[in-house]
C-alpha atoms as a PDB file:
ATOM      1  CA  MET A   1      42.123  -9.292   6.566  1.00  0.00           C
ATOM      2  CA  MET A   2      40.055  -6.960   4.373  1.00  0.00           C
ATOM      3  CA  ASN A   3      37.353  -4.844   5.924  1.00  0.00           C
ATOM      4  CA  THR A   4      33.710  -5.154   4.927  1.00  0.00           C
ATOM      5  CA  ASP A   5      33.795  -2.207   2.516  1.00  0.00           C
ATOM      6  CA  ASN A   6      36.812  -3.612   0.681  1.00  0.00           C
ATOM      7  CA  VAL A   7      35.239  -7.061   0.381  1.00  0.00           C
ATOM      8  CA  ALA A   8      31.995  -5.537  -0.888  1.00  0.00           C
ATOM      9  CA  ALA A   9      33.887  -3.458  -3.471  1.00  0.00           C
ATOM     10  CA  LYS A  10      35.787  -6.514  -4.712  1.00  0.00           C
ATOM     11  CA  ILE A  11      32.519  -8.483  -4.984  1.00  0.00           C
ATOM     12  CA  ARG A  12      30.829  -5.785  -7.050  1.00  0.00           C
ATOM     13  CA  ALA A  13      33.828  -5.424  -9.381  1.00  0.00           C
ATOM     14  CA  LEU A  14      34.163  -9.179  -9.879  1.00  0.00           C
ATOM     15  CA  ALA A  15      30.427  -9.637 -10.451  1.00  0.00           C
ATOM     16  CA  LYS A  16      30.512  -6.983 -13.172  1.00  0.00           C
ATOM     17  CA  GLU A  17      33.602  -8.520 -14.762  1.00  0.00           C
ATOM     18  CA  LYS A  18      32.042 -12.009 -14.835  1.00  0.00           C
ATOM     19  CA  ASN A  19      28.504 -10.983 -15.840  1.00  0.00           C
ATOM     20  CA  ALA A  20      27.204 -12.336 -12.551  1.00  0.00           C
ATOM     21  CA  VAL A  21      23.991 -11.383 -10.782  1.00  0.00           C
ATOM     22  CA  ILE A  22      23.772 -11.696  -7.005  1.00  0.00           C
ATOM     23  CA  LEU A  23      20.390 -12.661  -5.547  1.00  0.00           C
ATOM     24  CA  ALA A  24      19.768 -12.609  -1.791  1.00  0.00           C
ATOM     25  CA  HIS A  25      16.823 -13.768   0.274  1.00  0.00           C
ATOM     26  CA  ASN A  26      15.265 -11.433   2.843  1.00  0.00           C
ATOM     27  CA  TYR A  27      16.629 -13.651   5.650  1.00  0.00           C
ATOM     28  CA  GLN A  28      20.298 -13.223   4.697  1.00  0.00           C
ATOM     29  CA  LEU A  29      22.804 -11.275   6.802  1.00  0.00           C
ATOM     30  CA  GLY A  30      22.441  -7.529   6.330  1.00  0.00           C
ATOM     31  CA  GLU A  31      25.895  -7.180   4.763  1.00  0.00           C
ATOM     32  CA  VAL A  32      24.984  -9.821   2.169  1.00  0.00           C
ATOM     33  CA  GLN A  33      21.675  -8.135   1.374  1.00  0.00           C
ATOM     34  CA  ASP A  34      23.533  -4.866   0.861  1.00  0.00           C
ATOM     35  CA  ILE A  35      25.793  -6.215  -1.927  1.00  0.00           C
ATOM     36  CA  ALA A  36      23.033  -8.070  -3.770  1.00  0.00           C
ATOM     37  CA  ASP A  37      21.599  -6.909  -7.085  1.00  0.00           C
ATOM     38  CA  PHE A  38      18.185  -7.988  -5.854  1.00  0.00           C
ATOM     39  CA  VAL A  39      16.756  -8.922  -2.455  1.00  0.00           C
ATOM     40  CA  GLY A  40      13.401 -10.635  -2.219  1.00  0.00           C
ATOM     41  CA  ASP A  41      11.225 -13.569  -1.216  1.00  0.00           C
ATOM     42  CA  SER A  42      11.216 -16.973  -2.906  1.00  0.00           C
ATOM     43  CA  LEU A  43       8.731 -16.009  -5.623  1.00  0.00           C
ATOM     44  CA  GLU A  44      10.488 -12.742  -6.465  1.00  0.00           C
ATOM     45  CA  LEU A  45      13.890 -14.445  -6.572  1.00  0.00           C
ATOM     46  CA  SER A  46      12.530 -17.227  -8.806  1.00  0.00           C
ATOM     47  CA  GLN A  47      11.209 -14.611 -11.221  1.00  0.00           C
ATOM     48  CA  LYS A  48      14.521 -12.724 -11.202  1.00  0.00           C
ATOM     49  CA  ALA A  49      16.504 -15.928 -11.801  1.00  0.00           C
ATOM     50  CA  ALA A  50      14.281 -16.862 -14.743  1.00  0.00           C
ATOM     51  CA  ALA A  51      14.665 -13.430 -16.331  1.00  0.00           C
ATOM     52  CA  SER A  52      18.270 -12.614 -15.430  1.00  0.00           C
ATOM     53  CA  GLY A  53      20.091 -13.814 -18.550  1.00  0.00           C
ATOM     54  CA  ALA A  54      23.281 -13.620 -16.486  1.00  0.00           C
ATOM     55  CA  LYS A  55      26.187 -15.946 -17.148  1.00  0.00           C
ATOM     56  CA  ILE A  56      26.460 -16.604 -13.405  1.00  0.00           C
ATOM     57  CA  ILE A  57      23.829 -16.445 -10.658  1.00  0.00           C
ATOM     58  CA  VAL A  58      25.228 -16.216  -7.138  1.00  0.00           C
ATOM     59  CA  PHE A  59      22.349 -17.303  -4.948  1.00  0.00           C
ATOM     60  CA  CYS A  60      22.570 -16.123  -1.354  1.00  0.00           C
ATOM     61  CA  GLY A  61      19.928 -18.318   0.206  1.00  0.00           C
ATOM     62  CA  VAL A  62      19.588 -22.031   0.847  1.00  0.00           C
ATOM     63  CA  HIS A  63      20.095 -25.049  -1.378  1.00  0.00           C
ATOM     64  CA  PHE A  64      16.546 -25.538  -2.658  1.00  0.00           C
ATOM     65  CA  MET A  65      16.487 -21.915  -3.853  1.00  0.00           C
ATOM     66  CA  ALA A  66      19.709 -22.373  -5.812  1.00  0.00           C
ATOM     67  CA  GLU A  67      18.304 -25.596  -7.281  1.00  0.00           C
ATOM     68  CA  THR A  68      15.186 -23.742  -8.400  1.00  0.00           C
ATOM     69  CA  ALA A  69      17.337 -21.113 -10.103  1.00  0.00           C
ATOM     70  CA  ALA A  70      19.386 -23.817 -11.843  1.00  0.00           C
ATOM     71  CA  ILE A  71      16.188 -25.455 -13.093  1.00  0.00           C
ATOM     72  CA  ILE A  72      14.553 -22.340 -14.528  1.00  0.00           C
ATOM     73  CA  ALA A  73      17.716 -20.616 -15.746  1.00  0.00           C
ATOM     74  CA  PRO A  74      19.511 -23.493 -17.504  1.00  0.00           C
ATOM     75  CA  GLY A  75      21.690 -21.076 -19.458  1.00  0.00           C
ATOM     76  CA  SER A  76      23.271 -19.754 -16.242  1.00  0.00           C
ATOM     77  CA  ARG A  77      25.729 -21.304 -13.835  1.00  0.00           C
ATOM     78  CA  VAL A  78      24.245 -21.159 -10.329  1.00  0.00           C
ATOM     79  CA  LEU A  79      26.608 -20.796  -7.399  1.00  0.00           C
ATOM     80  CA  LEU A  80      25.702 -21.213  -3.710  1.00  0.00           C
ATOM     81  CA  PRO A  81      28.337 -19.570  -1.471  1.00  0.00           C
ATOM     82  CA  ASP A  82      27.968 -22.247   1.218  1.00  0.00           C
ATOM     83  CA  ALA A  83      27.144 -25.787   0.119  1.00  0.00           C
ATOM     84  CA  HIS A  84      25.947 -26.614   3.649  1.00  0.00           C
ATOM     85  CA  ALA A  85      23.108 -24.052   3.560  1.00  0.00           C
ATOM     86  CA  GLY A  86      20.214 -26.493   3.580  1.00  0.00           C
ATOM     87  CA  CYS A  87      16.588 -26.413   4.718  1.00  0.00           C
ATOM     88  CA  PRO A  88      15.260 -28.685   7.490  1.00  0.00           C
ATOM     89  CA  MET A  89      11.725 -28.466   6.076  1.00  0.00           C
ATOM     90  CA  ALA A  90      12.914 -29.627   2.660  1.00  0.00           C
ATOM     91  CA  ASP A  91      14.583 -32.596   4.359  1.00  0.00           C
ATOM     92  CA  MET A  92      11.300 -33.624   6.028  1.00  0.00           C
ATOM     93  CA  ILE A  93       9.866 -35.073   2.811  1.00  0.00           C
ATOM     94  CA  THR A  94      11.267 -37.742   0.514  1.00  0.00           C
ATOM     95  CA  VAL A  95      10.306 -38.791  -2.987  1.00  0.00           C
ATOM     96  CA  ALA A  96       9.410 -42.246  -1.667  1.00  0.00           C
ATOM     97  CA  GLY A  97       7.163 -40.703   0.992  1.00  0.00           C
ATOM     98  CA  LEU A  98       5.411 -38.473  -1.523  1.00  0.00           C
ATOM     99  CA  ARG A  99       4.868 -41.400  -3.896  1.00  0.00           C
ATOM    100  CA  ARG A 100       3.239 -43.387  -1.088  1.00  0.00           C
ATOM    101  CA  MET A 101       0.957 -40.448  -0.324  1.00  0.00           C
ATOM    102  CA  LYS A 102       0.006 -40.176  -3.998  1.00  0.00           C
ATOM    103  CA  GLU A 103      -0.825 -43.901  -4.047  1.00  0.00           C
ATOM    104  CA  GLN A 104      -3.039 -43.489  -0.973  1.00  0.00           C
ATOM    105  CA  LEU A 105      -4.776 -40.438  -2.485  1.00  0.00           C
ATOM    106  CA  PRO A 106      -4.993 -41.190  -6.202  1.00  0.00           C
ATOM    107  CA  GLY A 107      -6.091 -38.464  -8.580  1.00  0.00           C
ATOM    108  CA  ARG A 108      -5.282 -35.588  -6.218  1.00  0.00           C
ATOM    109  CA  PRO A 109      -2.890 -33.044  -7.771  1.00  0.00           C
ATOM    110  CA  VAL A 110       0.233 -32.290  -5.737  1.00  0.00           C
ATOM    111  CA  VAL A 111       0.960 -28.674  -4.817  1.00  0.00           C
ATOM    112  CA  CYS A 112       4.575 -28.432  -3.743  1.00  0.00           C
ATOM    113  CA  TYR A 113       5.895 -25.542  -1.675  1.00  0.00           C
ATOM    114  CA  VAL A 114       9.209 -24.374  -3.146  1.00  0.00           C
ATOM    115  CA  ASN A 115      10.895 -25.216   0.161  1.00  0.00           C
ATOM    116  CA  SER A 116      11.584 -28.698  -1.185  1.00  0.00           C
ATOM    117  CA  THR A 117      14.181 -30.582  -3.192  1.00  0.00           C
ATOM    118  CA  ALA A 118      14.221 -30.712  -6.978  1.00  0.00           C
ATOM    119  CA  GLU A 119      13.331 -34.415  -6.808  1.00  0.00           C
ATOM    120  CA  VAL A 120      10.173 -33.686  -4.808  1.00  0.00           C
ATOM    121  CA  LYS A 121       9.231 -30.872  -7.198  1.00  0.00           C
ATOM    122  CA  ALA A 122       9.621 -33.345 -10.061  1.00  0.00           C
ATOM    123  CA  GLU A 123       7.012 -35.589  -8.402  1.00  0.00           C
ATOM    124  CA  SER A 124       4.576 -32.670  -8.105  1.00  0.00           C
ATOM    125  CA  ASP A 125       2.050 -31.035 -10.412  1.00  0.00           C
ATOM    126  CA  ILE A 126       2.651 -27.394  -9.537  1.00  0.00           C
ATOM    127  CA  CYS A 127       4.832 -25.409  -7.156  1.00  0.00           C
ATOM    128  CA  CYS A 128       3.895 -22.496  -4.937  1.00  0.00           C
ATOM    129  CA  THR A 129       5.517 -20.000  -2.603  1.00  0.00           C
ATOM    130  CA  SER A 130       4.070 -18.493   0.539  1.00  0.00           C
ATOM    131  CA  ALA A 131       3.203 -15.425  -1.556  1.00  0.00           C
ATOM    132  CA  ASN A 132       1.031 -17.269  -4.064  1.00  0.00           C
ATOM    133  CA  ALA A 133      -0.013 -20.524  -2.333  1.00  0.00           C
ATOM    134  CA  VAL A 134      -3.698 -19.582  -2.134  1.00  0.00           C
ATOM    135  CA  LYS A 135      -3.763 -18.521  -5.797  1.00  0.00           C
ATOM    136  CA  VAL A 136      -2.039 -21.742  -6.885  1.00  0.00           C
ATOM    137  CA  VAL A 137      -4.452 -23.966  -4.973  1.00  0.00           C
ATOM    138  CA  GLU A 138      -7.424 -21.990  -6.281  1.00  0.00           C
ATOM    139  CA  SER A 139      -6.151 -22.436  -9.853  1.00  0.00           C
ATOM    140  CA  ILE A 140      -6.581 -26.219  -9.648  1.00  0.00           C
ATOM    141  CA  PRO A 141      -9.987 -27.507 -10.822  1.00  0.00           C
ATOM    142  CA  ASN A 142      -9.943 -30.572  -8.558  1.00  0.00           C
ATOM    143  CA  PRO A 143     -11.831 -30.219  -5.250  1.00  0.00           C
ATOM    144  CA  GLU A 144      -8.998 -31.936  -3.338  1.00  0.00           C
ATOM    145  CA  VAL A 145      -5.225 -31.434  -3.428  1.00  0.00           C
ATOM    146  CA  ILE A 146      -2.154 -32.825  -1.726  1.00  0.00           C
ATOM    147  CA  PHE A 147      -0.026 -30.047  -0.208  1.00  0.00           C
ATOM    148  CA  VAL A 148       3.626 -30.669   0.673  1.00  0.00           C
ATOM    149  CA  PRO A 149       5.740 -30.276   2.730  1.00  0.00           C
ATOM    150  CA  ASP A 150       4.603 -27.444   5.062  1.00  0.00           C
ATOM    151  CA  GLN A 151       1.522 -28.329   7.091  1.00  0.00           C
ATOM    152  CA  TYR A 152       1.198 -24.826   8.566  1.00  0.00           C
ATOM    153  CA  LEU A 153       1.232 -23.074   5.203  1.00  0.00           C
ATOM    154  CA  GLY A 154      -1.211 -25.738   4.033  1.00  0.00           C
ATOM    155  CA  TYR A 155      -3.483 -25.037   6.971  1.00  0.00           C
ATOM    156  CA  TYR A 156      -3.363 -21.312   6.238  1.00  0.00           C
ATOM    157  CA  VAL A 157      -4.335 -21.977   2.611  1.00  0.00           C
ATOM    158  CA  GLN A 158      -7.137 -24.267   3.792  1.00  0.00           C
ATOM    159  CA  GLN A 159      -8.693 -21.301   5.624  1.00  0.00           C
ATOM    160  CA  GLN A 160      -8.744 -19.249   2.408  1.00  0.00           C
ATOM    161  CA  THR A 161     -10.250 -21.795   0.019  1.00  0.00           C
ATOM    162  CA  ASP A 162     -13.037 -24.347  -0.345  1.00  0.00           C
ATOM    163  CA  LYS A 163     -10.595 -27.031  -1.452  1.00  0.00           C
ATOM    164  CA  ARG A 164      -9.987 -30.038   0.725  1.00  0.00           C
ATOM    165  CA  ILE A 165      -6.273 -30.155   1.437  1.00  0.00           C
ATOM    166  CA  HIS A 166      -4.295 -33.225   2.481  1.00  0.00           C
ATOM    167  CA  PHE A 167      -1.169 -32.091   4.366  1.00  0.00           C
ATOM    168  CA  TRP A 168       2.295 -33.535   4.660  1.00  0.00           C
ATOM    169  CA  PRO A 169       3.437 -33.135   8.315  1.00  0.00           C
ATOM    170  CA  GLY A 170       6.453 -30.909   7.611  1.00  0.00           C
ATOM    171  CA  TYR A 171       7.260 -27.520   9.120  1.00  0.00           C
ATOM    172  CA  CYS A 172       9.911 -24.827   9.457  1.00  0.00           C
ATOM    173  CA  PRO A 173      11.685 -25.209  12.835  1.00  0.00           C
ATOM    174  CA  THR A 174      12.488 -21.474  12.940  1.00  0.00           C
ATOM    175  CA  HIS A 175       8.862 -20.419  12.488  1.00  0.00           C
ATOM    176  CA  ALA A 176       7.602 -23.198  14.756  1.00  0.00           C
ATOM    177  CA  ARG A 177       9.537 -21.587  17.632  1.00  0.00           C
ATOM    178  CA  ILE A 178       7.336 -18.504  17.371  1.00  0.00           C
ATOM    179  CA  LEU A 179       4.440 -18.811  19.833  1.00  0.00           C
ATOM    180  CA  PRO A 180       1.219 -16.811  20.232  1.00  0.00           C
ATOM    181  CA  GLU A 181       2.342 -15.516  23.630  1.00  0.00           C
ATOM    182  CA  HIS A 182       5.308 -13.836  21.910  1.00  0.00           C
ATOM    183  CA  ILE A 183       2.862 -11.839  19.781  1.00  0.00           C
ATOM    184  CA  LEU A 184       0.508 -11.070  22.653  1.00  0.00           C
ATOM    185  CA  GLU A 185       3.289  -9.895  24.975  1.00  0.00           C
ATOM    186  CA  LEU A 186       4.629  -7.498  22.343  1.00  0.00           C
ATOM    187  CA  LYS A 187       1.117  -6.255  21.572  1.00  0.00           C
ATOM    188  CA  ALA A 188       0.703  -5.415  25.254  1.00  0.00           C
ATOM    189  CA  GLU A 189       4.003  -3.507  25.215  1.00  0.00           C
ATOM    190  CA  HIS A 190       3.321  -1.785  21.886  1.00  0.00           C
ATOM    191  CA  PRO A 191      -0.452  -1.387  21.518  1.00  0.00           C
ATOM    192  CA  ASN A 192      -0.159   0.636  18.301  1.00  0.00           C
ATOM    193  CA  ALA A 193       2.016  -1.925  16.537  1.00  0.00           C
ATOM    194  CA  LYS A 194       0.674  -4.101  13.729  1.00  0.00           C
ATOM    195  CA  ALA A 195       1.619  -7.759  14.081  1.00  0.00           C
ATOM    196  CA  MET A 196       2.589  -9.352  10.779  1.00  0.00           C
ATOM    197  CA  VAL A 197       3.523 -13.032  10.690  1.00  0.00           C
ATOM    198  CA  HIS A 198       4.595 -15.532   8.065  1.00  0.00           C
ATOM    199  CA  PRO A 199       2.160 -18.295   7.015  1.00  0.00           C
ATOM    200  CA  GLU A 200       4.807 -20.863   8.003  1.00  0.00           C
ATOM    201  CA  CYS A 201       3.926 -19.956  11.609  1.00  0.00           C
ATOM    202  CA  ARG A 202       1.618 -22.122  13.684  1.00  0.00           C
ATOM    203  CA  PRO A 203      -2.124 -21.508  13.133  1.00  0.00           C
ATOM    204  CA  GLU A 204      -2.511 -20.190  16.680  1.00  0.00           C
ATOM    205  CA  VAL A 205       0.156 -17.562  15.903  1.00  0.00           C
ATOM    206  CA  ALA A 206      -1.577 -16.508  12.695  1.00  0.00           C
ATOM    207  CA  ALA A 207      -4.836 -16.233  14.663  1.00  0.00           C
ATOM    208  CA  VAL A 208      -3.488 -13.404  16.868  1.00  0.00           C
ATOM    209  CA  ALA A 209      -1.753 -11.490  14.033  1.00  0.00           C
ATOM    210  CA  ASP A 210      -3.053  -8.485  12.129  1.00  0.00           C
ATOM    211  CA  ALA A 211      -1.671  -9.763   8.832  1.00  0.00           C
ATOM    212  CA  VAL A 212      -0.332 -13.091   7.538  1.00  0.00           C
ATOM    213  CA  LEU A 213       2.166 -12.360   4.766  1.00  0.00           C
ATOM    214  CA  SER A 214       5.123 -13.678   2.805  1.00  0.00           C
ATOM    215  CA  THR A 215       8.357 -11.789   3.398  1.00  0.00           C
ATOM    216  CA  GLY A 216       7.732  -9.821   0.206  1.00  0.00           C
ATOM    217  CA  GLY A 217       4.260  -9.038   1.493  1.00  0.00           C
ATOM    218  CA  MET A 218       5.749  -7.819   4.776  1.00  0.00           C
ATOM    219  CA  ILE A 219       8.081  -5.464   2.915  1.00  0.00           C
ATOM    220  CA  ARG A 220       5.095  -3.933   1.110  1.00  0.00           C
ATOM    221  CA  TYR A 221       2.849  -3.870   4.207  1.00  0.00           C
ATOM    222  CA  ALA A 222       5.490  -1.960   6.188  1.00  0.00           C
ATOM    223  CA  LYS A 223       5.403   0.875   3.646  1.00  0.00           C
ATOM    224  CA  ASN A 224       1.765   1.669   4.527  1.00  0.00           C
ATOM    225  CA  PRO A 225       1.885   5.298   5.705  1.00  0.00           C
ATOM    226  CA  ALA A 226      -0.920   4.625   8.210  1.00  0.00           C
ATOM    227  CA  TYR A 227       1.316   2.345  10.317  1.00  0.00           C
ATOM    228  CA  ASN A 228       4.553   3.209  12.105  1.00  0.00           C
ATOM    229  CA  GLU A 229       5.188   0.247  14.413  1.00  0.00           C
ATOM    230  CA  PHE A 230       5.346  -3.436  13.552  1.00  0.00           C
ATOM    231  CA  ILE A 231       5.740  -6.740  15.340  1.00  0.00           C
ATOM    232  CA  VAL A 232       7.613  -8.999  12.941  1.00  0.00           C
ATOM    233  CA  GLY A 233       6.804 -12.703  13.146  1.00  0.00           C
ATOM    234  CA  THR A 234       9.352 -14.290  10.874  1.00  0.00           C
ATOM    235  CA  GLU A 235      13.100 -14.917  10.621  1.00  0.00           C
ATOM    236  CA  MET A 236      14.973 -11.937  12.021  1.00  0.00           C
ATOM    237  CA  GLY A 237      17.059 -11.280   8.897  1.00  0.00           C
ATOM    238  CA  ILE A 238      14.184  -9.332   7.361  1.00  0.00           C
ATOM    239  CA  ILE A 239      14.468  -6.655  10.070  1.00  0.00           C
ATOM    240  CA  HIS A 240      17.578  -5.265   8.327  1.00  0.00           C
ATOM    241  CA  ARG A 241      15.698  -4.533   5.114  1.00  0.00           C
ATOM    242  CA  LEU A 242      12.580  -3.295   6.891  1.00  0.00           C
ATOM    243  CA  ARG A 243      14.558  -0.719   8.868  1.00  0.00           C
ATOM    244  CA  LYS A 244      16.666   0.256   5.872  1.00  0.00           C
ATOM    245  CA  GLU A 245      13.635   0.943   3.667  1.00  0.00           C
ATOM    246  CA  ASN A 246      11.476   2.512   6.384  1.00  0.00           C
ATOM    247  CA  PRO A 247      13.562   4.991   8.370  1.00  0.00           C
ATOM    248  CA  GLY A 248      11.653   6.381  11.313  1.00  0.00           C
ATOM    249  CA  LYS A 249       9.436   3.330  11.694  1.00  0.00           C
ATOM    250  CA  LYS A 250       9.889   0.789  14.487  1.00  0.00           C
ATOM    251  CA  PHE A 251      10.159  -2.970  14.054  1.00  0.00           C
ATOM    252  CA  TYR A 252      10.058  -5.439  16.933  1.00  0.00           C
ATOM    253  CA  PRO A 253      11.296  -8.998  16.271  1.00  0.00           C
ATOM    254  CA  VAL A 254       8.799 -11.428  17.731  1.00  0.00           C
ATOM    255  CA  SER A 255      11.452 -13.683  19.232  1.00  0.00           C
ATOM    256  CA  GLU A 256      15.237 -13.659  19.498  1.00  0.00           C
ATOM    257  CA  GLN A 257      15.014 -17.389  18.688  1.00  0.00           C
ATOM    258  CA  ALA A 258      13.567 -16.715  15.229  1.00  0.00           C
ATOM    259  CA  VAL A 259      16.903 -17.248  13.497  1.00  0.00           C
ATOM    260  CA  CYS A 260      17.546 -19.716  10.677  1.00  0.00           C
ATOM    261  CA  PRO A 261      21.140 -20.923  11.134  1.00  0.00           C
ATOM    262  CA  ASN A 262      21.299 -22.081   7.517  1.00  0.00           C
ATOM    263  CA  MET A 263      20.395 -18.630   6.187  1.00  0.00           C
ATOM    264  CA  LYS A 264      23.232 -17.172   8.264  1.00  0.00           C
ATOM    265  CA  LEU A 265      25.956 -19.412   6.822  1.00  0.00           C
ATOM    266  CA  ILE A 266      26.647 -17.133   3.865  1.00  0.00           C
ATOM    267  CA  THR A 267      29.046 -14.245   4.508  1.00  0.00           C
ATOM    268  CA  LEU A 268      30.641 -11.568   2.336  1.00  0.00           C
ATOM    269  CA  GLU A 269      33.913 -13.514   2.347  1.00  0.00           C
ATOM    270  CA  LYS A 270      32.127 -16.622   1.059  1.00  0.00           C
ATOM    271  CA  VAL A 271      30.406 -14.627  -1.692  1.00  0.00           C
ATOM    272  CA  LEU A 272      33.787 -13.267  -2.786  1.00  0.00           C
ATOM    273  CA  TYR A 273      35.414 -16.711  -2.710  1.00  0.00           C
ATOM    274  CA  THR A 274      32.523 -18.130  -4.753  1.00  0.00           C
ATOM    275  CA  LEU A 275      32.931 -15.449  -7.413  1.00  0.00           C
ATOM    276  CA  GLU A 276      36.691 -15.984  -7.534  1.00  0.00           C
ATOM    277  CA  THR A 277      36.535 -19.771  -7.821  1.00  0.00           C
ATOM    278  CA  GLU A 278      33.064 -20.139  -9.397  1.00  0.00           C
ATOM    279  CA  GLN A 279      32.393 -22.864  -6.845  1.00  0.00           C
ATOM    280  CA  PRO A 280      30.391 -24.492  -5.330  1.00  0.00           C
ATOM    281  CA  GLU A 281      28.053 -24.873  -8.298  1.00  0.00           C
ATOM    282  CA  VAL A 282      24.546 -26.270  -7.921  1.00  0.00           C
ATOM    283  CA  LYS A 283      23.489 -28.630 -10.687  1.00  0.00           C
ATOM    284  CA  VAL A 284      20.285 -30.614 -11.167  1.00  0.00           C
ATOM    285  CA  PRO A 285      20.252 -33.722 -13.401  1.00  0.00           C
ATOM    286  CA  GLU A 286      18.259 -32.913 -16.535  1.00  0.00           C
ATOM    287  CA  SER A 287      15.995 -35.926 -16.004  1.00  0.00           C
ATOM    288  CA  VAL A 288      14.892 -34.339 -12.713  1.00  0.00           C
ATOM    289  CA  ALA A 289      15.085 -30.728 -13.874  1.00  0.00           C
ATOM    290  CA  GLU A 290      12.803 -31.350 -16.851  1.00  0.00           C
ATOM    291  CA  LYS A 291       9.937 -32.550 -14.642  1.00  0.00           C
ATOM    292  CA  ALA A 292      10.548 -30.040 -11.869  1.00  0.00           C
ATOM    293  CA  ARG A 293      10.672 -27.209 -14.427  1.00  0.00           C
ATOM    294  CA  LEU A 294       7.111 -27.977 -15.499  1.00  0.00           C
ATOM    295  CA  ALA A 295       5.844 -27.614 -11.921  1.00  0.00           C
ATOM    296  CA  ILE A 296       7.758 -24.354 -11.400  1.00  0.00           C
ATOM    297  CA  GLU A 297       6.729 -22.869 -14.749  1.00  0.00           C
ATOM    298  CA  ARG A 298       3.066 -23.640 -14.069  1.00  0.00           C
ATOM    299  CA  MET A 299       3.427 -21.522 -10.929  1.00  0.00           C
ATOM    300  CA  LEU A 300       5.241 -18.689 -12.717  1.00  0.00           C
ATOM    301  CA  GLU A 301       2.576 -18.579 -15.419  1.00  0.00           C
ATOM    302  CA  LEU A 302      -0.058 -17.587 -12.855  1.00  0.00           C
ATOM    303  CA  LYS A 303      -0.395 -13.815 -13.096  1.00  0.00           C
ATOM    304  CA  GLY A 304      -2.040 -11.173 -10.937  1.00  0.00           C
END
């Protein structure tokens, strides 16, 4: 069995040989983040996929992310190193359910969080990520919008805008396990630490945090020279990058239960196997991709 360094070296050589780019989400295993060409949040990875021009995109994340890459980079083959890496939140909404909601609330544009299937995106007017959800909702002229599928991100957006938002009752099980007492206990232990939490957290968790940020926002916030200690209220995979990029600073995971099992399915060995076999490939039927692409591109066109 090859050691980690040997596997990583083989991955890099094969990626170069095959004109492949490796994208990894901030929640991936540290060893996977370390071999990626780019590590980021959903918005950053979407932008990189759209601009990559690579023959092959190896997406180290979950299925909806690979689907998004396949939709906006149709000239690339998109590979997902573990076909079972799904998203429970994305599974909480169906096309039929969204259509019923649209019938009950006619004329309201649908803002779709990227943590959703391609089919749901295709039924939506515009996509958003946790990094740009407020901006996306604010960009819509209508006074009311439908927001799917994350009710907690929707509630967070509701606090930042005058729009009336109709929520779908979905949520991220990993972030839902984070409770306000976890934040408060760590604040008592580390009074100088800044608590940063993800907007997928419950509203009562966001209420006791110092900052509510996407994972990309957390990476930037941690670089602030005024702060040296942080309570991190999101999936624990981000701790690897935070510590790597901020030596000397301290990061306290808010809960040992804040682990997404799907994000941890991808390993170095699976990345290597995927590059060798060019499987499993993620494809989206063009009839679905065409509609979903419009919603994603509307999001990507929002600047600033």
